[in-house]
C-alpha atoms as a PDB file:
ATOM      1  CA  MET A   1       6.923  -8.419 -28.654  1.00  0.00           C
ATOM      2  CA  HIS A   2       5.064 -11.420 -27.248  1.00  0.00           C
ATOM      3  CA  THR A   3       1.389 -11.125 -28.248  1.00  0.00           C
ATOM      4  CA  GLU A   4      -0.269 -14.474 -27.536  1.00  0.00           C
ATOM      5  CA  GLY A   5      -3.370 -14.275 -25.476  1.00  0.00           C
ATOM      6  CA  LEU A   6      -4.062 -10.655 -26.382  1.00  0.00           C
ATOM      7  CA  SER A   7      -7.774 -11.472 -27.460  1.00  0.00           C
ATOM      8  CA  THR A   8      -8.468 -12.927 -23.922  1.00  0.00           C
ATOM      9  CA  MET A   9      -6.908 -10.064 -22.060  1.00  0.00           C
ATOM     10  CA  PRO A  10      -9.534  -8.474 -19.635  1.00  0.00           C
ATOM     11  CA  ASP A  11     -10.760  -5.028 -20.154  1.00  0.00           C
ATOM     12  CA  HIS A  12      -9.159  -3.959 -16.893  1.00  0.00           C
ATOM     13  CA  TYR A  13      -6.271  -5.430 -14.973  1.00  0.00           C
ATOM     14  CA  ILE A  14      -4.575  -5.228 -11.645  1.00  0.00           C
ATOM     15  CA  VAL A  15      -0.832  -4.757 -10.629  1.00  0.00           C
ATOM     16  CA  THR A  16       0.220  -5.323  -7.098  1.00  0.00           C
ATOM     17  CA  ILE A  17       3.285  -4.290  -5.371  1.00  0.00           C
ATOM     18  CA  ASP A  18       3.881  -5.895  -1.835  1.00  0.00           C
ATOM     19  CA  GLY A  19       7.069  -5.377   0.265  1.00  0.00           C
ATOM     20  CA  PRO A  20       8.385  -4.244   3.690  1.00  0.00           C
ATOM     21  CA  ALA A  21       8.135  -0.761   5.019  1.00  0.00           C
ATOM     22  CA  GLY A  22      10.354   1.900   3.434  1.00  0.00           C
ATOM     23  CA  SER A  23      11.038  -0.256   0.186  1.00  0.00           C
ATOM     24  CA  GLY A  24       9.603   2.456  -1.967  1.00  0.00           C
ATOM     25  CA  LYS A  25       6.421   0.806  -2.801  1.00  0.00           C
ATOM     26  CA  THR A  26       4.294   3.991  -2.814  1.00  0.00           C
ATOM     27  CA  THR A  27       6.653   5.967  -5.103  1.00  0.00           C
ATOM     28  CA  ALA A  28       7.057   2.963  -7.424  1.00  0.00           C
ATOM     29  CA  ALA A  29       3.274   2.272  -7.475  1.00  0.00           C
ATOM     30  CA  GLN A  30       2.555   5.951  -8.280  1.00  0.00           C
ATOM     31  CA  GLY A  31       5.216   6.183 -11.049  1.00  0.00           C
ATOM     32  CA  LEU A  32       4.046   2.811 -12.485  1.00  0.00           C
ATOM     33  CA  ALA A  33       0.415   3.904 -12.756  1.00  0.00           C
ATOM     34  CA  ARG A  34       1.455   7.110 -14.408  1.00  0.00           C
ATOM     35  CA  ARG A  35       3.445   5.356 -16.989  1.00  0.00           C
ATOM     36  CA  LEU A  36       0.732   2.806 -17.645  1.00  0.00           C
ATOM     37  CA  GLY A  37      -1.959   5.446 -17.851  1.00  0.00           C
ATOM     38  CA  ILE A  38      -3.992   3.826 -15.013  1.00  0.00           C
ATOM     39  CA  LYS A  39      -5.040   4.540 -11.548  1.00  0.00           C
ATOM     40  CA  TYR A  40      -2.970   4.288  -8.252  1.00  0.00           C
ATOM     41  CA  PHE A  41      -4.785   2.938  -5.159  1.00  0.00           C
ATOM     42  CA  ASN A  42      -3.046   2.978  -1.703  1.00  0.00           C
ATOM     43  CA  SER A  43      -4.753   0.140  -0.057  1.00  0.00           C
ATOM     44  CA  GLY A  44      -2.443   0.781   3.170  1.00  0.00           C
ATOM     45  CA  ALA A  45      -4.327   4.217   3.507  1.00  0.00           C
ATOM     46  CA  LEU A  46      -7.448   2.482   4.318  1.00  0.00           C
ATOM     47  CA  TYR A  47      -5.837   0.915   7.449  1.00  0.00           C
ATOM     48  CA  ARG A  48      -4.339   4.181   8.382  1.00  0.00           C
ATOM     49  CA  ALA A  49      -7.848   5.685   7.997  1.00  0.00           C
ATOM     50  CA  VAL A  50      -9.280   3.073  10.459  1.00  0.00           C
ATOM     51  CA  ALA A  51      -6.606   4.184  12.916  1.00  0.00           C
ATOM     52  CA  TRP A  52      -7.262   7.747  12.345  1.00  0.00           C
ATOM     53  CA  LEU A  53     -10.999   7.267  12.762  1.00  0.00           C
ATOM     54  CA  GLY A  54     -10.413   5.452  16.188  1.00  0.00           C
ATOM     55  CA  LEU A  55      -7.800   8.039  17.539  1.00  0.00           C
ATOM     56  CA  SER A  56     -10.019  10.895  16.358  1.00  0.00           C
ATOM     57  CA  ALA A  57     -13.041   9.481  18.078  1.00  0.00           C
ATOM     58  CA  GLY A  58     -11.222   8.434  21.225  1.00  0.00           C
ATOM     59  CA  ILE A  59     -11.660   4.839  20.617  1.00  0.00           C
ATOM     60  CA  ASP A  60      -9.081   2.253  21.818  1.00  0.00           C
ATOM     61  CA  LEU A  61      -7.575   0.775  18.784  1.00  0.00           C
ATOM     62  CA  GLY A  62      -7.675  -2.666  20.295  1.00  0.00           C
ATOM     63  CA  ASP A  63     -11.471  -2.348  20.512  1.00  0.00           C
ATOM     64  CA  THR A  64     -12.341  -4.124  17.215  1.00  0.00           C
ATOM     65  CA  PRO A  65     -16.200  -3.959  17.589  1.00  0.00           C
ATOM     66  CA  ARG A  66     -16.259  -0.207  18.115  1.00  0.00           C
ATOM     67  CA  LEU A  67     -13.857   0.379  15.469  1.00  0.00           C
ATOM     68  CA  LEU A  68     -15.592  -1.792  12.985  1.00  0.00           C
ATOM     69  CA  ALA A  69     -18.945  -0.062  13.750  1.00  0.00           C
ATOM     70  CA  ARG A  70     -17.279   3.463  13.355  1.00  0.00           C
ATOM     71  CA  LEU A  71     -15.774   2.367  10.006  1.00  0.00           C
ATOM     72  CA  LYS A  72     -19.119   0.962   8.617  1.00  0.00           C
ATOM     73  CA  ARG A  73     -20.948   4.145   9.322  1.00  0.00           C
ATOM     74  CA  THR A  74     -18.155   6.326   7.726  1.00  0.00           C
ATOM     75  CA  ARG A  75     -18.565   7.337   4.019  1.00  0.00           C
ATOM     76  CA  ILE A  76     -15.138   6.601   2.421  1.00  0.00           C
ATOM     77  CA  GLU A  77     -14.329   7.911  -1.004  1.00  0.00           C
ATOM     78  CA  THR A  78     -11.269   8.400  -3.284  1.00  0.00           C
ATOM     79  CA  ARG A  79     -10.962  11.607  -5.471  1.00  0.00           C
ATOM     80  CA  GLU A  80      -8.126  12.559  -7.960  1.00  0.00           C
ATOM     81  CA  VAL A  81      -6.691  15.960  -7.334  1.00  0.00           C
ATOM     82  CA  ASP A  82      -3.944  17.311  -9.546  1.00  0.00           C
ATOM     83  CA  GLY A  83      -3.208  13.654 -10.619  1.00  0.00           C
ATOM     84  CA  LYS A  84      -3.141  12.311  -7.062  1.00  0.00           C
ATOM     85  CA  GLU A  85      -5.660  10.200  -5.419  1.00  0.00           C
ATOM     86  CA  ARG A  86      -6.967  11.605  -2.186  1.00  0.00           C
ATOM     87  CA  LEU A  87      -8.789   9.783   0.674  1.00  0.00           C
ATOM     88  CA  LEU A  88     -12.037  11.502   1.894  1.00  0.00           C
ATOM     89  CA  LEU A  89     -13.899  10.315   5.087  1.00  0.00           C
ATOM     90  CA  ASP A  90     -17.336  11.845   5.277  1.00  0.00           C
ATOM     91  CA  GLY A  91     -16.273  14.392   2.907  1.00  0.00           C
ATOM     92  CA  ARG A  92     -13.017  15.405   4.662  1.00  0.00           C
ATOM     93  CA  ASP A  93      -9.625  14.993   2.805  1.00  0.00           C
ATOM     94  CA  VAL A  94      -7.576  13.280   5.501  1.00  0.00           C
ATOM     95  CA  THR A  95      -4.805  12.095   3.126  1.00  0.00           C
ATOM     96  CA  GLU A  96      -2.026  14.234   4.595  1.00  0.00           C
ATOM     97  CA  GLU A  97      -3.009  13.431   8.166  1.00  0.00           C
ATOM     98  CA  LEU A  98      -2.767   9.633   7.500  1.00  0.00           C
ATOM     99  CA  SER A  99       0.944   9.990   7.042  1.00  0.00           C
ATOM    100  CA  ARG A 100       1.667  11.322  10.635  1.00  0.00           C
ATOM    101  CA  ASN A 101       4.254   9.233  12.480  1.00  0.00           C
ATOM    102  CA  GLU A 102       1.601   8.652  15.202  1.00  0.00           C
ATOM    103  CA  ILE A 103      -0.502   6.820  12.687  1.00  0.00           C
ATOM    104  CA  SER A 104       2.460   4.897  11.373  1.00  0.00           C
ATOM    105  CA  ARG A 105       3.198   3.752  14.922  1.00  0.00           C
ATOM    106  CA  GLU A 106      -0.256   2.633  15.880  1.00  0.00           C
ATOM    107  CA  VAL A 107      -1.658   1.304  12.384  1.00  0.00           C
ATOM    108  CA  TYR A 108      -0.654  -2.293  13.087  1.00  0.00           C
ATOM    109  CA  ARG A 109      -3.095  -2.412  15.919  1.00  0.00           C
ATOM    110  CA  VAL A 110      -5.894  -2.144  13.381  1.00  0.00           C
ATOM    111  CA  ALA A 111      -4.356  -4.274  10.715  1.00  0.00           C
ATOM    112  CA  ASP A 112      -4.447  -7.527  12.628  1.00  0.00           C
ATOM    113  CA  PRO A 113      -8.058  -8.303  13.423  1.00  0.00           C
ATOM    114  CA  ALA A 114      -9.706 -10.507  10.726  1.00  0.00           C
ATOM    115  CA  GLU A 115     -12.949  -8.589  10.861  1.00  0.00           C
ATOM    116  CA  ILE A 116     -11.378  -5.247   9.999  1.00  0.00           C
ATOM    117  CA  ARG A 117      -9.124  -6.923   7.237  1.00  0.00           C
ATOM    118  CA  ARG A 118     -12.269  -8.389   5.764  1.00  0.00           C
ATOM    119  CA  GLU A 119     -14.093  -5.114   5.742  1.00  0.00           C
ATOM    120  CA  VAL A 120     -11.123  -3.257   4.361  1.00  0.00           C
ATOM    121  CA  GLY A 121     -10.646  -5.776   1.693  1.00  0.00           C
ATOM    122  CA  ASN A 122     -14.343  -5.480   0.563  1.00  0.00           C
ATOM    123  CA  LEU A 123     -13.992  -1.627   0.575  1.00  0.00           C
ATOM    124  CA  ALA A 124     -10.883  -1.869  -1.550  1.00  0.00           C
ATOM    125  CA  HIS A 125     -12.770  -3.937  -4.206  1.00  0.00           C
ATOM    126  CA  ARG A 126     -15.709  -1.546  -4.109  1.00  0.00           C
ATOM    127  CA  LEU A 127     -13.668   1.455  -4.567  1.00  0.00           C
ATOM    128  CA  ASN A 128     -11.850  -0.001  -7.623  1.00  0.00           C
ATOM    129  CA  ALA A 129     -14.568  -1.944  -9.297  1.00  0.00           C
ATOM    130  CA  SER A 130     -14.196  -2.207 -13.122  1.00  0.00           C
ATOM    131  CA  ARG A 131     -11.129  -0.150 -13.405  1.00  0.00           C
ATOM    132  CA  SER A 132      -7.347  -0.856 -14.079  1.00  0.00           C
ATOM    133  CA  PHE A 133      -4.890   0.119 -11.234  1.00  0.00           C
ATOM    134  CA  VAL A 134      -1.735  -0.348  -9.529  1.00  0.00           C
ATOM    135  CA  THR A 135      -1.823  -0.984  -5.778  1.00  0.00           C
ATOM    136  CA  GLU A 136       0.860  -1.492  -3.017  1.00  0.00           C
ATOM    137  CA  GLY A 137       0.883  -2.752   0.531  1.00  0.00           C
ATOM    138  CA  ARG A 138       1.859  -5.871   2.494  1.00  0.00           C
ATOM    139  CA  ASP A 139      -0.592  -8.582   1.155  1.00  0.00           C
ATOM    140  CA  GLN A 140      -2.183  -6.901  -1.900  1.00  0.00           C
ATOM    141  CA  GLY A 141      -1.059  -9.801  -4.211  1.00  0.00           C
ATOM    142  CA  THR A 142      -1.156 -12.631  -1.877  1.00  0.00           C
ATOM    143  CA  GLU A 143      -4.577 -11.953  -0.072  1.00  0.00           C
ATOM    144  CA  VAL A 144      -6.476  -8.808  -1.265  1.00  0.00           C
ATOM    145  CA  PHE A 145      -6.116  -9.050  -4.994  1.00  0.00           C
ATOM    146  CA  PRO A 146      -4.842 -12.654  -5.808  1.00  0.00           C
ATOM    147  CA  GLU A 147      -6.357 -12.301  -9.141  1.00  0.00           C
ATOM    148  CA  ALA A 148      -3.940  -9.436 -10.097  1.00  0.00           C
ATOM    149  CA  ALA A 149      -2.457  -9.788 -13.489  1.00  0.00           C
ATOM    150  CA  VAL A 150       1.146  -8.880 -12.541  1.00  0.00           C
ATOM    151  CA  LYS A 151       2.485  -9.019  -8.941  1.00  0.00           C
ATOM    152  CA  PHE A 152       5.704  -7.468  -7.672  1.00  0.00           C
ATOM    153  CA  TYR A 153       7.776  -7.873  -4.329  1.00  0.00           C
ATOM    154  CA  LEU A 154       9.815  -4.643  -3.882  1.00  0.00           C
ATOM    155  CA  ASP A 155      12.570  -4.771  -1.221  1.00  0.00           C
ATOM    156  CA  ALA A 156      15.523  -2.809  -0.127  1.00  0.00           C
ATOM    157  CA  ARG A 157      18.208  -3.186   2.620  1.00  0.00           C
ATOM    158  CA  PRO A 158      16.753  -2.204   6.161  1.00  0.00           C
ATOM    159  CA  GLU A 159      19.283   0.709   6.530  1.00  0.00           C
ATOM    160  CA  VAL A 160      18.211   2.097   3.256  1.00  0.00           C
ATOM    161  CA  ARG A 161      14.535   1.843   4.013  1.00  0.00           C
ATOM    162  CA  ALA A 162      14.979   3.368   7.492  1.00  0.00           C
ATOM    163  CA  GLU A 163      16.908   6.294   5.905  1.00  0.00           C
ATOM    164  CA  ARG A 164      14.098   7.004   3.336  1.00  0.00           C
ATOM    165  CA  ARG A 165      11.527   6.843   6.161  1.00  0.00           C
ATOM    166  CA  ARG A 166      13.622   9.403   8.279  1.00  0.00           C
ATOM    167  CA  LEU A 167      13.768  11.637   5.406  1.00  0.00           C
ATOM    168  CA  GLU A 168      10.220  11.455   4.730  1.00  0.00           C
ATOM    169  CA  LEU A 169       9.460  12.407   8.408  1.00  0.00           C
ATOM    170  CA  GLU A 170      11.940  15.295   8.307  1.00  0.00           C
ATOM    171  CA  GLY A 171      10.209  16.677   5.167  1.00  0.00           C
ATOM    172  CA  ARG A 172       7.049  16.851   7.312  1.00  0.00           C
ATOM    173  CA  GLY A 173       8.859  18.456  10.276  1.00  0.00           C
ATOM    174  CA  GLU A 174       9.050  15.355  12.429  1.00  0.00           C
ATOM    175  CA  ARG A 175      12.684  14.913  13.906  1.00  0.00           C
ATOM    176  CA  ILE A 176      13.698  11.442  14.634  1.00  0.00           C
ATOM    177  CA  SER A 177      17.168   9.816  14.717  1.00  0.00           C
ATOM    178  CA  ARG A 178      18.317   7.200  12.301  1.00  0.00           C
ATOM    179  CA  GLU A 179      18.654   4.753  14.941  1.00  0.00           C
ATOM    180  CA  ALA A 180      15.154   5.148  16.137  1.00  0.00           C
ATOM    181  CA  VAL A 181      13.705   4.924  12.586  1.00  0.00           C
ATOM    182  CA  LEU A 182      15.780   1.745  11.899  1.00  0.00           C
ATOM    183  CA  ARG A 183      14.468   0.213  15.118  1.00  0.00           C
ATOM    184  CA  GLN A 184      10.849   0.972  14.206  1.00  0.00           C
ATOM    185  CA  ILE A 185      11.493  -0.533  10.653  1.00  0.00           C
ATOM    186  CA  LEU A 186      12.996  -3.643  12.128  1.00  0.00           C
ATOM    187  CA  GLU A 187      10.064  -4.152  14.678  1.00  0.00           C
ATOM    188  CA  ARG A 188       7.616  -3.662  11.763  1.00  0.00           C
ATOM    189  CA  ASP A 189       9.327  -6.132   9.689  1.00  0.00           C
ATOM    190  CA  ALA A 190       9.130  -8.790  12.544  1.00  0.00           C
ATOM    191  CA  ARG A 191       5.148  -7.807  13.089  1.00  0.00           C
ATOM    192  CA  ASP A 192       4.413  -7.853   9.384  1.00  0.00           C
ATOM    193  CA  ARG A 193       6.139 -11.310   8.602  1.00  0.00           C
ATOM    194  CA  GLY A 194       4.756 -12.847  11.870  1.00  0.00           C
ATOM    195  CA  ARG A 195       1.116 -11.889  11.387  1.00  0.00           C
ATOM    196  CA  LYS A 196      -1.418 -14.785  11.498  1.00  0.00           C
ATOM    197  CA  ILE A 197      -3.644 -12.971   8.816  1.00  0.00           C
ATOM    198  CA  GLY A 198      -2.232 -10.859   6.000  1.00  0.00           C
ATOM    199  CA  ALA A 199       1.320 -11.638   6.686  1.00  0.00           C
ATOM    200  CA  LEU A 200       4.039 -10.076   4.492  1.00  0.00           C
ATOM    201  CA  ARG A 201       5.477 -12.910   2.483  1.00  0.00           C
ATOM    202  CA  ARG A 202       7.133 -13.433  -0.952  1.00  0.00           C
ATOM    203  CA  THR A 203       5.827 -15.761  -3.388  1.00  0.00           C
ATOM    204  CA  ASP A 204       7.115 -17.473  -6.441  1.00  0.00           C
ATOM    205  CA  GLU A 205       4.549 -15.780  -8.754  1.00  0.00           C
ATOM    206  CA  ALA A 206       5.680 -12.282  -7.666  1.00  0.00           C
ATOM    207  CA  VAL A 207       8.536 -10.726  -9.473  1.00  0.00           C
ATOM    208  CA  TYR A 208      11.290  -9.808  -6.937  1.00  0.00           C
ATOM    209  CA  LEU A 209      13.037  -6.373  -7.263  1.00  0.00           C
ATOM    210  CA  ASP A 210      15.732  -4.979  -4.795  1.00  0.00           C
ATOM    211  CA  ASP A 211      15.801  -1.165  -5.422  1.00  0.00           C
ATOM    212  CA  SER A 212      18.501  -0.366  -2.755  1.00  0.00           C
ATOM    213  CA  ASP A 213      20.817   0.961  -5.406  1.00  0.00           C
ATOM    214  CA  LEU A 214      18.160   1.891  -7.942  1.00  0.00           C
ATOM    215  CA  SER A 215      16.770   5.556  -8.619  1.00  0.00           C
ATOM    216  CA  ARG A 216      13.069   5.812  -8.577  1.00  0.00           C
ATOM    217  CA  GLU A 217      13.151   6.081 -12.415  1.00  0.00           C
ATOM    218  CA  GLU A 218      15.128   2.871 -12.740  1.00  0.00           C
ATOM    219  CA  THR A 219      12.619   1.121 -10.491  1.00  0.00           C
ATOM    220  CA  VAL A 220       9.681   2.301 -12.339  1.00  0.00           C
ATOM    221  CA  GLU A 221      11.377   1.473 -15.843  1.00  0.00           C
ATOM    222  CA  ARG A 222      12.038  -2.226 -14.731  1.00  0.00           C
ATOM    223  CA  MET A 223       8.427  -2.605 -13.659  1.00  0.00           C
ATOM    224  CA  VAL A 224       7.057  -0.964 -16.681  1.00  0.00           C
ATOM    225  CA  GLY A 225       9.013  -3.662 -18.810  1.00  0.00           C
ATOM    226  CA  VAL A 226       7.729  -6.616 -16.852  1.00  0.00           C
ATOM    227  CA  VAL A 227       4.195  -5.476 -17.143  1.00  0.00           C
ATOM    228  CA  LYS A 228       4.356  -4.836 -20.890  1.00  0.00           C
ATOM    229  CA  GLU A 229       5.862  -8.213 -21.293  1.00  0.00           C
ATOM    230  CA  ARG A 230       3.403  -9.867 -19.200  1.00  0.00           C
ATOM    231  CA  LEU A 231       0.467  -8.354 -20.614  1.00  0.00           C
ATOM    232  CA  GLY A 232       1.457  -7.849 -24.227  1.00  0.00           C
ATOM    233  CA  ILE A 233       0.842  -4.148 -24.267  1.00  0.00           C
END
């Protein structure tokens, strides 16, 4: 095993997984974190939390100043429950509510403004100070945590990603056709890649992995191998 540089390895490290919607980032990140024995952090949940705050308070999601003010006066915490990290807003666990399709459809409206992205980025760093963790999203390795020790870009064919999303929604009792989900996926792809700030992009330093035909276990296993090789652990 390659061991050069172990003496300079930091006490904590970051692994990022970026990629389009439905590529399996969350499942892979959670599995990878478990295998490495470190924390999993869902940065995208913070944007969903902003959308939830706005919708719950009757704030137009296009009203950035009001949303930002609401965000700044909200106490945001993470807590591990039964091995899974939960997101609490002013003491209320909203983790499950953040996965509703209504939030998924509207979250892009709060993910564009530079002011909100800056505040969410600062919050992500505060919540994870001095700990090793795996995080996933759209621009974790490129914008939020450019200092990450290992970066992945996880991808899958659009029809595969759409079916995964449909099954996820169906599991929560939300009925939607394959065609409608695929349309939403493709629309989100276009938005995510065309953003002026925090655009989804694949860089040379990120390890590319297409998991269209891989099981969850196979995807995680490949990632574990890369991390161990890169960090010498």
